[in-house]
N, C-alpha and C. Protein backbone atom coordinates (compact mmCIF):
# COMPACT_ATOMS: atom_id res chain seq x y z
N MET A 1 96.76 103.45 142.98
CA MET A 1 94.93 102.90 142.47
C MET A 1 94.28 104.16 143.14
N TRP A 2 93.99 105.10 141.95
CA TRP A 2 92.79 106.13 142.06
C TRP A 2 91.33 105.47 141.51
N ILE A 3 90.69 106.69 142.19
CA ILE A 3 89.40 106.13 142.02
C ILE A 3 88.60 107.48 142.53
N THR A 4 87.93 108.04 141.43
CA THR A 4 86.57 109.49 141.03
C THR A 4 86.14 109.77 141.67
N LEU A 5 85.17 110.15 142.65
CA LEU A 5 83.69 110.33 142.98
C LEU A 5 83.23 111.38 142.45
N ASP A 6 82.23 111.33 141.59
CA ASP A 6 81.75 112.38 140.51
C ASP A 6 80.97 112.98 141.15
N ALA A 7 80.29 112.56 142.59
CA ALA A 7 79.54 113.09 143.08
C ALA A 7 79.58 114.61 143.63
N PRO A 8 79.52 115.66 143.28
CA PRO A 8 80.06 116.72 144.07
C PRO A 8 80.44 116.75 145.44
N VAL A 9 81.74 117.23 146.57
CA VAL A 9 81.53 116.93 148.06
C VAL A 9 82.38 118.08 148.16
N SER A 10 81.91 118.50 149.24
CA SER A 10 83.02 119.84 149.67
C SER A 10 82.77 119.76 151.59
N LEU A 11 83.57 119.90 151.58
CA LEU A 11 83.94 120.49 153.67
C LEU A 11 82.95 121.02 153.67
N SER A 12 82.46 120.72 155.05
CA SER A 12 81.74 121.46 155.68
C SER A 12 82.45 122.64 156.61
N ALA A 13 81.79 123.44 157.11
CA ALA A 13 82.85 124.50 158.26
C ALA A 13 83.49 124.00 159.27
N ASN A 14 82.24 123.48 159.88
CA ASN A 14 82.73 122.21 161.31
C ASN A 14 84.01 121.28 160.88
N MET A 15 84.26 120.79 159.73
CA MET A 15 85.52 120.34 159.41
C MET A 15 86.57 121.20 159.19
N ARG A 16 86.59 122.64 158.36
CA ARG A 16 87.55 123.12 158.35
C ARG A 16 88.28 123.86 159.48
N ASN A 17 86.89 123.75 160.68
CA ASN A 17 87.07 124.64 161.75
C ASN A 17 88.42 123.43 162.58
N LEU A 18 87.82 122.10 162.33
CA LEU A 18 88.44 121.00 163.19
C LEU A 18 89.76 120.94 162.80
N PHE A 19 90.22 121.04 161.29
CA PHE A 19 91.39 121.22 160.75
C PHE A 19 92.30 122.70 161.25
N LEU A 20 91.85 123.51 161.68
CA LEU A 20 92.18 124.82 161.77
C LEU A 20 92.65 124.20 163.18
N LEU A 21 91.67 123.41 164.16
CA LEU A 21 92.09 123.24 165.44
C LEU A 21 93.14 122.74 165.90
N LEU A 22 93.20 121.13 164.81
CA LEU A 22 94.15 120.54 164.62
C LEU A 22 95.56 121.35 164.51
N SER A 23 95.51 122.25 163.76
CA SER A 23 96.91 122.84 163.75
C SER A 23 97.13 123.87 164.27
N VAL A 24 96.83 124.74 165.05
CA VAL A 24 96.75 125.38 166.41
C VAL A 24 97.21 124.53 167.05
N ALA A 25 96.88 123.27 167.51
CA ALA A 25 97.45 122.19 168.08
C ALA A 25 98.57 121.67 168.51
N LEU A 26 99.36 121.41 167.34
CA LEU A 26 100.16 121.24 166.62
C LEU A 26 101.61 122.19 166.94
N ALA A 27 101.23 123.23 166.50
CA ALA A 27 102.26 124.80 166.92
C ALA A 27 102.04 124.71 168.12
N ALA A 28 100.98 124.98 169.36
CA ALA A 28 101.14 125.07 170.25
C ALA A 28 102.42 124.12 171.03
N SER A 29 102.23 122.63 170.40
CA SER A 29 102.52 121.44 171.23
C SER A 29 104.16 121.43 171.34
N ALA A 30 104.46 122.79 170.24
CA ALA A 30 106.28 123.11 170.06
C ALA A 30 106.47 124.21 171.00
N LEU A 31 105.55 124.92 171.85
CA LEU A 31 106.25 126.10 172.45
C LEU A 31 107.34 125.57 173.92
N PRO A 32 107.12 123.60 173.77
CA PRO A 32 108.20 123.72 175.37
C PRO A 32 109.40 123.82 174.75
N ALA A 33 109.53 123.46 173.18
CA ALA A 33 110.71 123.81 173.13
C ALA A 33 111.68 125.08 173.02
N LEU A 34 110.53 126.27 173.18
CA LEU A 34 111.30 127.25 173.43
C LEU A 34 112.24 127.79 174.47
N GLY A 35 112.03 126.61 175.81
CA GLY A 35 112.33 126.76 177.08
C GLY A 35 113.55 126.24 177.01
N GLN A 36 114.53 126.07 175.98
CA GLN A 36 115.73 125.20 176.25
C GLN A 36 116.45 126.43 176.16
N ASP A 37 117.23 126.35 176.45
CA ASP A 37 118.32 127.18 176.77
C ASP A 37 119.90 127.18 175.65
N PRO A 38 119.80 128.10 174.57
CA PRO A 38 121.74 127.52 174.01
C PRO A 38 121.84 127.94 174.07
N GLY A 39 122.32 129.01 175.18
CA GLY A 39 123.70 129.44 175.90
C GLY A 39 124.14 127.81 177.36
N ALA A 40 123.02 126.77 176.69
CA ALA A 40 123.43 125.76 178.27
C ALA A 40 125.54 125.20 177.87
N ASN A 41 125.94 125.13 179.06
CA ASN A 41 127.13 124.47 179.34
C ASN A 41 127.46 123.01 178.06
N PRO A 42 127.90 122.84 177.23
CA PRO A 42 128.08 121.63 176.10
C PRO A 42 128.18 120.55 176.91
N ALA A 43 129.14 120.91 178.25
CA ALA A 43 129.16 119.50 179.60
C ALA A 43 128.73 118.80 179.86
N THR A 44 126.87 119.72 180.38
CA THR A 44 126.64 118.96 180.98
C THR A 44 125.03 118.77 180.20
N ILE A 45 125.36 118.59 178.86
CA ILE A 45 124.15 117.84 177.90
C ILE A 45 124.58 117.00 177.04
N THR A 46 123.97 115.58 177.18
CA THR A 46 124.27 114.40 176.82
C THR A 46 124.56 114.52 175.35
N PRO A 47 125.26 114.35 174.34
CA PRO A 47 125.98 114.49 173.15
C PRO A 47 125.09 113.13 172.36
N TYR A 48 124.93 111.93 173.29
CA TYR A 48 124.65 110.81 172.31
C TYR A 48 122.96 110.58 172.31
N TYR A 49 122.37 111.21 172.19
CA TYR A 49 121.10 111.44 172.79
C TYR A 49 119.99 111.76 171.77
N SER A 50 119.26 110.30 171.10
CA SER A 50 118.79 110.32 170.01
C SER A 50 117.75 109.17 170.64
N ARG A 51 116.68 109.47 169.92
CA ARG A 51 115.22 108.26 169.89
C ARG A 51 115.39 107.28 169.03
N VAL A 52 115.30 105.71 169.17
CA VAL A 52 115.55 104.48 168.94
C VAL A 52 114.47 104.27 167.50
N ASN A 53 113.52 104.64 168.40
CA ASN A 53 112.01 104.39 167.60
C ASN A 53 111.35 105.33 167.73
N THR A 54 110.28 106.17 166.84
CA THR A 54 110.23 107.42 166.76
C THR A 54 108.66 107.16 165.56
N PHE A 55 107.63 107.17 166.12
CA PHE A 55 105.99 107.39 165.04
C PHE A 55 105.92 108.84 164.72
N GLY A 56 104.81 108.77 164.51
CA GLY A 56 104.29 109.77 163.96
C GLY A 56 102.81 110.32 162.81
N VAL A 57 102.03 111.13 163.54
CA VAL A 57 100.82 111.05 162.19
C VAL A 57 101.18 112.29 161.82
N PHE A 58 100.65 112.50 160.53
CA PHE A 58 100.51 114.20 160.06
C PHE A 58 99.42 113.71 159.12
N ALA A 59 98.84 114.97 159.34
CA ALA A 59 97.78 115.60 157.91
C ALA A 59 98.20 117.07 157.69
N GLY A 60 97.79 117.52 156.30
CA GLY A 60 98.02 117.93 155.35
C GLY A 60 96.36 118.63 154.83
N TYR A 61 96.30 120.49 154.86
CA TYR A 61 95.29 120.05 153.97
C TYR A 61 95.82 121.80 153.09
N SER A 62 95.20 121.91 152.30
CA SER A 62 95.39 123.27 151.12
C SER A 62 94.00 123.52 150.53
N ASN A 63 93.40 124.92 150.60
CA ASN A 63 92.09 124.98 150.32
C ASN A 63 91.93 125.85 148.94
N ASP A 64 93.01 126.41 148.85
CA ASP A 64 93.50 126.88 147.10
C ASP A 64 95.08 126.51 146.96
N SER A 65 95.13 126.33 145.36
CA SER A 65 96.59 125.92 144.68
C SER A 65 97.05 127.51 144.48
N SER A 66 97.99 127.64 144.34
CA SER A 66 98.68 128.76 143.77
C SER A 66 99.90 128.45 142.61
N HIS A 67 100.09 129.64 142.30
CA HIS A 67 101.37 129.33 141.58
C HIS A 67 101.98 129.15 142.08
N ILE A 68 103.03 128.88 142.00
CA ILE A 68 104.62 128.47 142.47
C ILE A 68 106.11 128.76 141.77
N LEU A 69 106.25 127.73 141.05
CA LEU A 69 107.40 128.02 140.08
C LEU A 69 106.67 127.47 138.98
N LEU A 70 106.00 126.69 138.57
CA LEU A 70 105.86 126.06 137.04
C LEU A 70 104.38 125.60 137.37
N GLY A 71 103.84 125.90 135.90
CA GLY A 71 102.19 125.70 136.01
C GLY A 71 101.46 126.81 136.74
N VAL A 72 99.90 126.65 136.25
CA VAL A 72 99.45 127.16 136.46
C VAL A 72 97.41 126.36 137.14
N ALA A 73 97.20 125.94 138.23
CA ALA A 73 95.89 125.18 138.48
C ALA A 73 95.12 125.91 139.40
N GLU A 74 94.11 126.32 139.01
CA GLU A 74 93.47 127.47 139.75
C GLU A 74 92.20 126.25 140.39
N ASN A 75 92.18 126.63 141.61
CA ASN A 75 91.15 126.41 142.48
C ASN A 75 91.12 124.91 142.78
N ARG A 76 92.05 124.63 143.16
CA ARG A 76 92.25 122.85 143.59
C ARG A 76 92.55 122.87 144.71
N LYS A 77 91.77 121.95 145.97
CA LYS A 77 91.76 121.56 146.82
C LYS A 77 93.05 119.77 147.01
N LEU A 78 93.63 120.32 148.37
CA LEU A 78 94.31 119.09 148.76
C LEU A 78 94.37 118.93 150.47
N LEU A 79 94.05 117.17 150.35
CA LEU A 79 93.86 117.07 151.90
C LEU A 79 95.00 115.49 151.66
N ASN A 80 95.24 115.56 152.92
CA ASN A 80 96.53 114.19 153.14
C ASN A 80 96.21 113.83 154.85
N PHE A 81 96.19 112.49 155.04
CA PHE A 81 96.41 112.12 156.14
C PHE A 81 97.41 110.76 156.30
N GLY A 82 98.75 110.56 156.94
CA GLY A 82 99.28 109.88 157.06
C GLY A 82 100.43 109.72 158.11
N ALA A 83 101.03 108.98 158.50
CA ALA A 83 101.59 107.99 159.39
C ALA A 83 103.10 107.84 158.79
N MET A 84 104.40 107.83 159.65
CA MET A 84 105.60 107.74 159.88
C MET A 84 106.42 107.04 160.61
N TYR A 85 107.67 106.20 160.55
CA TYR A 85 108.00 105.65 161.40
C TYR A 85 109.63 105.85 161.07
N GLU A 86 110.35 106.51 162.36
CA GLU A 86 111.63 106.38 161.90
C GLU A 86 112.78 105.45 163.01
N ARG A 87 113.47 105.04 162.92
CA ARG A 87 114.31 104.09 163.32
C ARG A 87 115.62 104.52 163.29
N ARG A 88 116.64 104.67 164.39
CA ARG A 88 117.93 105.49 164.12
C ARG A 88 118.87 104.25 163.58
N LEU A 89 119.56 104.60 162.90
CA LEU A 89 120.87 103.63 162.40
C LEU A 89 121.76 103.52 163.32
N PHE A 90 122.49 104.44 164.02
CA PHE A 90 123.75 104.90 164.31
C PHE A 90 124.06 106.66 164.78
N ILE A 91 124.22 106.45 165.81
CA ILE A 91 124.65 107.91 166.58
C ILE A 91 126.33 108.11 166.95
N THR A 92 127.11 108.96 166.11
CA THR A 92 128.46 109.45 166.65
C THR A 92 127.80 111.01 167.80
N ARG A 93 128.95 111.14 168.02
CA ARG A 93 129.53 112.84 168.98
C ARG A 93 128.42 114.12 168.05
N ALA A 94 128.85 113.51 165.99
CA ALA A 94 128.68 114.55 165.49
C ALA A 94 127.29 114.38 165.06
N VAL A 95 126.95 113.15 164.15
CA VAL A 95 125.85 112.88 163.08
C VAL A 95 125.19 111.96 164.30
N ALA A 96 123.55 111.82 164.05
CA ALA A 96 122.99 110.71 163.94
C ALA A 96 122.37 110.34 162.23
N MET A 97 122.14 108.68 162.45
CA MET A 97 121.61 108.38 161.26
C MET A 97 120.29 107.79 161.20
N GLN A 98 118.95 108.02 160.55
CA GLN A 98 118.05 107.55 160.32
C GLN A 98 117.35 107.12 159.49
N TYR A 99 116.44 105.67 159.57
CA TYR A 99 116.14 104.68 158.56
C TYR A 99 114.30 105.59 158.51
N SER A 100 114.04 105.81 157.26
CA SER A 100 112.40 106.59 157.96
C SER A 100 111.41 105.74 156.44
N LEU A 101 110.36 105.79 157.57
CA LEU A 101 109.36 104.82 156.03
C LEU A 101 107.84 105.67 156.25
N GLU A 102 107.35 106.71 154.91
CA GLU A 102 105.79 107.18 155.79
C GLU A 102 104.71 106.06 154.62
N VAL A 103 104.01 106.29 155.20
CA VAL A 103 102.38 105.99 154.64
C VAL A 103 101.51 107.16 154.66
N LEU A 104 101.18 107.17 152.86
CA LEU A 104 99.94 107.80 153.09
C LEU A 104 98.80 107.11 152.22
N PRO A 105 97.94 107.20 153.80
CA PRO A 105 96.76 105.92 152.90
C PRO A 105 95.28 107.01 152.21
N VAL A 106 95.72 107.96 152.51
CA VAL A 106 94.91 108.78 152.21
C VAL A 106 95.43 110.29 151.14
N ALA A 107 95.15 110.36 150.15
CA ALA A 107 95.15 111.61 149.40
C ALA A 107 94.03 112.12 148.88
N LEU A 108 93.62 113.32 148.99
CA LEU A 108 92.41 113.67 147.93
C LEU A 108 92.95 114.64 147.72
N GLU A 109 92.17 115.05 146.43
CA GLU A 109 92.67 115.98 145.40
C GLU A 109 91.20 116.12 144.75
N SER A 110 91.01 117.91 144.55
CA SER A 110 89.75 117.91 144.04
C SER A 110 89.67 118.84 143.08
N ASP A 111 89.10 118.65 141.63
CA ASP A 111 89.18 119.62 140.84
C ASP A 111 87.63 119.98 140.92
N PRO A 112 87.70 121.73 140.20
CA PRO A 112 86.43 122.13 139.73
C PRO A 112 85.77 121.76 138.65
N VAL A 113 84.67 121.04 138.83
CA VAL A 113 84.55 121.04 136.86
C VAL A 113 82.95 121.99 136.82
N ASP A 114 83.37 122.11 135.35
CA ASP A 114 81.58 122.65 134.61
C ASP A 114 81.56 121.95 133.99
N HIS A 115 79.83 122.05 134.04
CA HIS A 115 78.56 120.89 134.05
C HIS A 115 77.78 122.21 132.69
N TYR A 116 78.17 121.75 131.92
CA TYR A 116 77.46 122.71 130.54
C TYR A 116 76.19 121.64 130.09
N THR A 117 75.11 122.38 129.78
CA THR A 117 73.93 122.26 129.53
C THR A 117 73.66 123.20 128.14
N PHE A 118 73.67 122.60 127.16
CA PHE A 118 72.84 123.27 125.46
C PHE A 118 71.76 122.74 125.45
N THR A 119 71.10 123.79 125.21
CA THR A 119 69.34 122.99 124.60
C THR A 119 69.17 123.72 123.58
N GLU A 120 69.03 123.10 122.38
CA GLU A 120 68.59 123.79 121.02
C GLU A 120 66.85 123.47 121.48
N THR A 121 66.10 124.73 120.94
CA THR A 121 64.57 125.03 121.15
C THR A 121 63.57 124.99 119.85
N SER A 122 64.55 125.06 118.74
CA SER A 122 64.02 124.80 117.80
C SER A 122 65.17 125.36 116.57
N PRO A 123 64.48 124.76 115.47
CA PRO A 123 63.21 124.13 114.61
C PRO A 123 62.83 122.51 115.53
N GLN A 124 64.04 121.84 115.98
CA GLN A 124 63.69 121.14 116.50
C GLN A 124 64.29 121.19 118.14
N SER A 125 63.82 120.23 119.09
CA SER A 125 64.32 120.26 120.46
C SER A 125 65.55 119.16 121.01
N SER A 126 66.60 119.59 121.22
CA SER A 126 67.73 118.47 121.87
C SER A 126 68.64 119.21 122.71
N THR A 127 69.16 118.32 123.55
CA THR A 127 70.18 118.41 124.76
C THR A 127 71.01 118.25 124.19
N PHE A 128 71.80 118.87 124.77
CA PHE A 128 73.51 118.30 124.54
C PHE A 128 73.87 118.56 126.70
N LYS A 129 74.69 117.95 127.24
CA LYS A 129 74.88 117.97 128.45
C LYS A 129 76.17 117.34 128.24
N SER A 130 77.51 118.14 129.11
CA SER A 130 79.07 117.70 129.42
C SER A 130 79.52 118.17 130.93
N SER A 131 80.61 117.54 131.33
CA SER A 131 80.66 117.86 132.97
C SER A 131 82.18 117.21 132.51
N LEU A 132 82.96 118.75 132.37
CA LEU A 132 84.53 118.97 132.18
C LEU A 132 85.09 119.37 133.26
N PRO A 133 86.81 118.62 133.32
CA PRO A 133 87.25 119.24 134.31
C PRO A 133 87.73 121.05 133.79
N THR A 134 88.12 121.98 134.88
CA THR A 134 88.61 122.97 133.98
C THR A 134 89.76 122.97 134.81
N PHE A 135 90.64 124.02 133.90
CA PHE A 135 91.88 124.32 134.59
C PHE A 135 91.74 125.96 135.06
N TYR A 136 91.09 126.71 134.51
CA TYR A 136 91.04 127.49 135.78
C TYR A 136 89.70 127.80 136.41
N ALA A 137 89.54 129.08 137.38
CA ALA A 137 88.50 129.37 138.00
C ALA A 137 87.04 128.91 137.38
N CYS A 138 86.19 127.98 138.01
CA CYS A 138 84.20 128.10 137.48
C CYS A 138 83.99 128.97 137.46
N HIS A 139 83.40 129.61 136.40
CA HIS A 139 82.63 130.99 136.46
C HIS A 139 80.38 130.05 135.74
N SER A 140 79.72 130.35 136.82
CA SER A 140 78.65 130.01 136.48
C SER A 140 77.94 131.01 135.52
N ASN A 141 76.77 130.55 134.68
CA ASN A 141 76.31 131.48 133.92
C ASN A 141 75.11 130.50 133.04
N THR A 142 74.57 131.40 132.36
CA THR A 142 73.15 130.84 131.66
C THR A 142 73.01 132.33 130.67
N GLY A 143 72.19 131.64 129.75
CA GLY A 143 71.98 132.68 128.77
C GLY A 143 71.20 131.95 127.22
N SER A 144 70.87 132.68 126.33
CA SER A 144 69.81 131.73 125.14
C SER A 144 70.26 133.48 123.87
N GLY A 145 70.06 132.41 123.03
CA GLY A 145 70.50 132.95 121.36
C GLY A 145 69.83 132.32 120.44
N THR A 146 70.39 133.42 119.08
CA THR A 146 68.97 132.45 118.32
C THR A 146 70.46 132.75 117.32
N ASN A 147 70.49 131.93 115.98
CA ASN A 147 71.25 132.23 115.01
C ASN A 147 70.54 131.70 113.47
N THR A 148 70.71 132.41 112.59
CA THR A 148 69.87 132.14 110.65
C THR A 148 71.17 131.89 110.48
N ILE A 149 71.19 130.19 110.07
CA ILE A 149 71.96 129.72 108.78
C ILE A 149 71.05 129.35 107.77
N ASN A 150 71.71 129.56 106.08
CA ASN A 150 70.94 129.28 105.34
C ASN A 150 69.52 128.94 105.57
N GLY A 151 69.23 130.53 106.09
CA GLY A 151 67.30 130.93 106.15
C GLY A 151 66.83 130.07 107.52
N ILE A 152 67.07 129.44 107.72
CA ILE A 152 66.67 128.69 108.89
C ILE A 152 67.21 129.08 110.25
N THR A 153 66.42 129.53 110.85
CA THR A 153 66.63 130.08 112.17
C THR A 153 66.69 129.07 113.52
N TYR A 154 67.69 129.16 114.36
CA TYR A 154 68.33 128.18 114.76
C TYR A 154 68.07 128.94 116.62
N SER A 155 67.08 128.70 118.00
CA SER A 155 66.76 128.79 119.17
C SER A 155 67.63 127.94 120.24
N TYR A 156 68.61 128.56 120.90
CA TYR A 156 68.79 128.21 122.05
C TYR A 156 68.94 128.46 123.41
N THR A 157 69.05 127.63 124.32
CA THR A 157 69.71 128.13 125.30
C THR A 157 70.50 126.95 126.07
N TYR A 158 71.39 127.89 127.12
CA TYR A 158 72.68 127.40 127.29
C TYR A 158 72.72 127.61 129.37
N SER A 159 73.19 126.57 129.81
CA SER A 159 73.90 126.86 131.06
C SER A 159 75.18 126.89 132.15
N ASN A 160 75.66 127.14 133.06
CA ASN A 160 77.20 126.08 132.91
C ASN A 160 77.26 126.80 134.21
N THR A 161 76.78 125.55 135.06
CA THR A 161 77.37 125.83 136.97
C THR A 161 77.98 124.93 137.05
N CYS A 162 79.00 125.23 138.79
CA CYS A 162 80.13 124.73 138.86
C CYS A 162 79.64 123.06 139.42
N GLY A 163 80.86 122.81 139.62
CA GLY A 163 81.11 121.58 141.01
C GLY A 163 82.33 121.50 141.37
N ARG A 164 82.72 120.00 142.16
CA ARG A 164 83.73 119.32 142.17
C ARG A 164 83.54 118.22 142.29
N ARG A 165 85.18 117.98 141.87
CA ARG A 165 85.18 116.38 141.82
C ARG A 165 86.66 116.20 142.39
N TRP A 166 86.26 114.66 143.48
CA TRP A 166 87.44 114.54 144.13
C TRP A 166 87.89 113.02 143.29
N THR A 167 89.04 113.11 143.87
CA THR A 167 89.88 112.00 143.63
C THR A 167 91.02 111.41 144.69
N ILE A 168 90.54 110.11 144.83
CA ILE A 168 91.49 109.46 146.64
C ILE A 168 92.49 108.65 145.44
N GLY A 169 93.85 108.69 146.38
CA GLY A 169 94.96 108.38 146.02
C GLY A 169 95.66 107.63 147.53
N GLU A 170 97.01 107.02 146.78
CA GLU A 170 97.41 106.50 148.37
C GLU A 170 98.85 106.55 148.11
N GLY A 171 99.82 106.71 148.63
CA GLY A 171 101.29 106.67 147.98
C GLY A 171 101.74 105.98 149.61
N MET A 172 103.52 106.07 149.79
CA MET A 172 104.40 105.57 150.04
C MET A 172 105.44 105.53 150.25
N SER A 173 106.48 106.03 151.13
CA SER A 173 107.82 105.98 150.86
C SER A 173 108.56 105.04 151.65
N PRO A 174 108.39 103.54 151.17
CA PRO A 174 109.36 102.87 152.03
C PRO A 174 110.70 102.95 152.39
N VAL A 175 111.52 104.25 152.08
CA VAL A 175 112.69 104.00 151.74
C VAL A 175 113.01 105.31 151.92
N GLY A 176 114.13 105.42 153.37
CA GLY A 176 113.99 107.12 153.69
C GLY A 176 115.25 107.12 154.61
N ILE A 177 116.71 107.95 154.28
CA ILE A 177 117.93 108.14 155.04
C ILE A 177 117.64 109.14 155.34
N GLY A 178 118.03 109.43 156.42
CA GLY A 178 118.02 111.00 157.32
C GLY A 178 119.43 111.06 158.46
N VAL A 179 120.26 111.88 157.37
CA VAL A 179 121.19 112.31 158.28
C VAL A 179 121.45 113.36 158.87
N ILE A 180 121.43 113.25 160.15
CA ILE A 180 120.77 114.69 161.42
C ILE A 180 122.61 115.18 161.94
N PRO A 181 122.99 116.31 161.39
CA PRO A 181 124.34 116.98 162.02
C PRO A 181 123.68 117.12 163.63
N ASP A 182 124.73 117.23 164.88
CA ASP A 182 124.52 117.48 165.67
C ASP A 182 124.88 119.23 165.91
N GLN A 183 124.19 120.00 166.52
CA GLN A 183 124.14 121.58 166.57
C GLN A 183 125.62 122.06 167.40
N ASN A 184 125.95 121.39 168.16
CA ASN A 184 127.08 121.69 168.91
C ASN A 184 128.64 120.92 168.14
N SER A 185 128.39 120.38 167.37
CA SER A 185 129.17 119.91 166.10
C SER A 185 129.09 121.28 165.43
N ILE A 186 128.10 121.53 164.58
CA ILE A 186 128.21 122.59 163.49
C ILE A 186 128.70 124.14 164.08
N ARG A 187 128.37 124.26 165.86
CA ARG A 187 128.45 125.56 166.04
C ARG A 187 130.52 125.54 166.14
N ALA A 188 130.77 124.44 166.39
CA ALA A 188 132.61 124.62 166.40
C ALA A 188 133.03 124.52 164.86
N CYS A 189 132.64 124.03 164.09
CA CYS A 189 133.01 124.36 162.77
C CYS A 189 133.62 126.15 162.21
């Protein structure tokens, strides 16, 4: 299901700061893992530990798109919110297998939009307006000009302004299987 919002919407500086703060908090929550001793005696480590149920939430934000492998789409913004659930199916000394489910109820994508206004001022007055998504970065400009065709002089003005169009979507990954090898088994190979 896709819904298009034609009204210009932008994230405020407060929202950007909130996303930055959440990102730093998530990164800092991984710091306790640095206290683990990789040289510990494997006999003292329980080899069969894995959570039965795992729940999580996630968010993703990209302020600008970039050319990675294929295609170019400048000035796109992405904002995603979701949740995940994993259930351990079985565990052995060497491997753990998990079922996973991901739900993405909010997936926002923003495109730049060019708003064109072309006004003919003589010999008669008329206005043409359009709003089109652009594949490249939008640049605002204005101007005027005259053309003479078959002895008749046409005068016109034009303006081009930039805006944004947000599109909302959703997604779900109902079936996912994960096989996670035990790190001690990998080192033994």
